[in-house]
C-alpha atoms as a PDB file:
ATOM      1  CA  MET A   1      64.809 100.534  80.511  1.00  0.00           C
ATOM      2  CA  GLU A   2      68.174 102.109  79.584  1.00  0.00           C
ATOM      3  CA  GLN A   3      70.029  98.828  80.181  1.00  0.00           C
ATOM      4  CA  ARG A   4      67.635  96.905  77.922  1.00  0.00           C
ATOM      5  CA  LEU A   5      68.008  99.503  75.189  1.00  0.00           C
ATOM      6  CA  ALA A   6      71.805  99.347  75.388  1.00  0.00           C
ATOM      7  CA  GLU A   7      71.719  95.535  75.250  1.00  0.00           C
ATOM      8  CA  ARG A   8      69.342  95.577  72.275  1.00  0.00           C
ATOM      9  CA  ILE A   9      71.593  97.994  70.391  1.00  0.00           C
ATOM     10  CA  ALA A  10      74.738  96.007  71.242  1.00  0.00           C
ATOM     11  CA  GLU A  11      73.143  92.805  69.914  1.00  0.00           C
ATOM     12  CA  ASN A  12      72.050  94.432  66.659  1.00  0.00           C
ATOM     13  CA  PRO A  13      74.105  92.994  63.743  1.00  0.00           C
ATOM     14  CA  THR A  14      74.057  96.364  61.984  1.00  0.00           C
ATOM     15  CA  TYR A  15      75.609  97.966  65.070  1.00  0.00           C
ATOM     16  CA  GLN A  16      78.323  95.320  65.140  1.00  0.00           C
ATOM     17  CA  THR A  17      79.064  95.952  61.464  1.00  0.00           C
ATOM     18  CA  LEU A  18      79.074  99.728  61.986  1.00  0.00           C
ATOM     19  CA  LYS A  19      81.409  99.440  64.953  1.00  0.00           C
ATOM     20  CA  THR A  20      83.825  97.200  63.047  1.00  0.00           C
ATOM     21  CA  LYS A  21      83.850  99.270  59.843  1.00  0.00           C
ATOM     22  CA  ARG A  22      84.168 102.609  61.613  1.00  0.00           C
ATOM     23  CA  SER A  23      86.947 101.367  63.869  1.00  0.00           C
ATOM     24  CA  ARG A  24      88.919  99.779  61.019  1.00  0.00           C
ATOM     25  CA  PHE A  25      88.539 102.852  58.831  1.00  0.00           C
ATOM     26  CA  GLY A  26      89.585 105.141  61.676  1.00  0.00           C
ATOM     27  CA  TRP A  27      92.709 103.092  62.349  1.00  0.00           C
ATOM     28  CA  ILE A  28      93.662 103.040  58.665  1.00  0.00           C
ATOM     29  CA  LEU A  29      93.426 106.826  58.462  1.00  0.00           C
ATOM     30  CA  THR A  30      95.279 107.210  61.760  1.00  0.00           C
ATOM     31  CA  ILE A  31      98.140 105.023  60.541  1.00  0.00           C
ATOM     32  CA  ALA A  32      98.280 106.934  57.257  1.00  0.00           C
ATOM     33  CA  MET A  33      98.488 110.238  59.142  1.00  0.00           C
ATOM     34  CA  LEU A  34     101.180 108.928  61.487  1.00  0.00           C
ATOM     35  CA  VAL A  35     103.263 107.668  58.558  1.00  0.00           C
ATOM     36  CA  VAL A  36     103.039 111.010  56.759  1.00  0.00           C
ATOM     37  CA  TYR A  37     103.643 113.142  59.856  1.00  0.00           C
ATOM     38  CA  TYR A  38     106.471 111.085  61.327  1.00  0.00           C
ATOM     39  CA  GLY A  39     107.926 110.594  57.865  1.00  0.00           C
ATOM     40  CA  TYR A  40     108.188 114.367  57.592  1.00  0.00           C
ATOM     41  CA  ILE A  41     109.734 114.609  61.057  1.00  0.00           C
ATOM     42  CA  LEU A  42     112.247 111.878  60.201  1.00  0.00           C
ATOM     43  CA  LEU A  43     113.043 113.688  56.980  1.00  0.00           C
ATOM     44  CA  ILE A  44     113.753 116.830  58.998  1.00  0.00           C
ATOM     45  CA  ALA A  45     115.955 114.852  61.388  1.00  0.00           C
ATOM     46  CA  PHE A  46     117.925 112.787  58.892  1.00  0.00           C
ATOM     47  CA  ASN A  47     117.841 114.540  55.519  1.00  0.00           C
ATOM     48  CA  LYS A  48     118.077 118.263  56.123  1.00  0.00           C
ATOM     49  CA  GLU A  49     119.924 118.682  52.843  1.00  0.00           C
ATOM     50  CA  LEU A  50     116.867 117.652  50.831  1.00  0.00           C
ATOM     51  CA  LEU A  51     114.560 119.999  52.701  1.00  0.00           C
ATOM     52  CA  SER A  52     116.994 122.918  52.490  1.00  0.00           C
ATOM     53  CA  ALA A  53     117.652 122.457  48.767  1.00  0.00           C
ATOM     54  CA  ARG A  54     116.295 125.357  46.769  1.00  0.00           C
ATOM     55  CA  ILE A  55     113.687 124.929  44.081  1.00  0.00           C
ATOM     56  CA  GLY A  56     115.042 126.584  40.976  1.00  0.00           C
ATOM     57  CA  ASP A  57     116.737 129.975  41.334  1.00  0.00           C
ATOM     58  CA  GLY A  58     114.291 131.342  43.919  1.00  0.00           C
ATOM     59  CA  VAL A  59     114.409 131.353  47.677  1.00  0.00           C
ATOM     60  CA  MET A  60     111.858 128.567  48.241  1.00  0.00           C
ATOM     61  CA  THR A  61     113.210 125.265  49.507  1.00  0.00           C
ATOM     62  CA  TRP A  62     111.710 121.777  49.249  1.00  0.00           C
ATOM     63  CA  GLY A  63     110.760 121.890  52.921  1.00  0.00           C
ATOM     64  CA  ILE A  64     107.981 124.408  52.310  1.00  0.00           C
ATOM     65  CA  PRO A  65     105.926 122.443  49.740  1.00  0.00           C
ATOM     66  CA  ILE A  66     106.535 119.151  51.556  1.00  0.00           C
ATOM     67  CA  GLY A  67     105.367 120.685  54.854  1.00  0.00           C
ATOM     68  CA  PHE A  68     102.389 122.194  53.078  1.00  0.00           C
ATOM     69  CA  GLY A  69     101.690 118.737  51.630  1.00  0.00           C
ATOM     70  CA  VAL A  70     101.460 117.302  55.154  1.00  0.00           C
ATOM     71  CA  ILE A  71      98.833 119.917  56.032  1.00  0.00           C
ATOM     72  CA  VAL A  72      96.890 119.288  52.811  1.00  0.00           C
ATOM     73  CA  PHE A  73      97.054 115.518  53.431  1.00  0.00           C
ATOM     74  CA  THR A  74      95.504 116.052  56.867  1.00  0.00           C
ATOM     75  CA  ILE A  75      92.646 118.058  55.367  1.00  0.00           C
ATOM     76  CA  ILE A  76      92.083 115.436  52.656  1.00  0.00           C
ATOM     77  CA  ILE A  77      91.881 112.459  55.020  1.00  0.00           C
ATOM     78  CA  THR A  78      89.553 114.445  57.295  1.00  0.00           C
ATOM     79  CA  ALA A  79      87.307 115.119  54.304  1.00  0.00           C
ATOM     80  CA  ILE A  80      87.411 111.428  53.350  1.00  0.00           C
ATOM     81  CA  TYR A  81      86.339 110.421  56.851  1.00  0.00           C
ATOM     82  CA  VAL A  82      83.557 113.014  56.998  1.00  0.00           C
ATOM     83  CA  ARG A  83      82.243 111.979  53.597  1.00  0.00           C
ATOM     84  CA  ARG A  84      82.110 108.308  54.556  1.00  0.00           C
ATOM     85  CA  ALA A  85      80.659 109.103  57.993  1.00  0.00           C
ATOM     86  CA  ASN A  86      77.922 111.272  56.465  1.00  0.00           C
ATOM     87  CA  SER A  87      76.961 108.644  53.922  1.00  0.00           C
ATOM     88  CA  GLU A  88      77.635 105.034  54.901  1.00  0.00           C
ATOM     89  CA  PHE A  89      77.950 105.382  58.676  1.00  0.00           C
ATOM     90  CA  ASP A  90      74.945 107.674  59.092  1.00  0.00           C
ATOM     91  CA  VAL A  91      72.759 105.301  57.057  1.00  0.00           C
ATOM     92  CA  MET A  92      73.757 102.414  59.296  1.00  0.00           C
ATOM     93  CA  ASN A  93      73.165 104.559  62.378  1.00  0.00           C
ATOM     94  CA  GLU A  94      69.626 105.342  61.224  1.00  0.00           C
ATOM     95  CA  GLN A  95      68.983 101.642  60.628  1.00  0.00           C
ATOM     96  CA  ILE A  96      70.081 100.930  64.191  1.00  0.00           C
ATOM     97  CA  LYS A  97      67.770 103.658  65.533  1.00  0.00           C
ATOM     98  CA  ARG A  98      64.844 102.095  63.668  1.00  0.00           C
ATOM     99  CA  GLY A  99      65.713  98.689  65.103  1.00  0.00           C
ATOM    100  CA  ARG A 100      66.616  96.926  61.878  1.00  0.00           C
END
């Protein structure tokens, strides 16, 4: 019974579409995160002067807001994924459960 159910789900065109869309979207967000994170690391490695430059007359340097930006970017792309998963992907998942 379990094998037949798995085969039926795997043959469902909606499942194939869901799998493709979710995988592609996940890879796009992963690449975006890697670019931002490793870009920041490369900036630390090769352009310390920019990150240690002070903003105005205070003690804050550019490294602090840029590092904070990396954290905020991570939260934003997580929210984007959750929003799409809760809307588009969950709808497709329900269609698969109903056998459409």
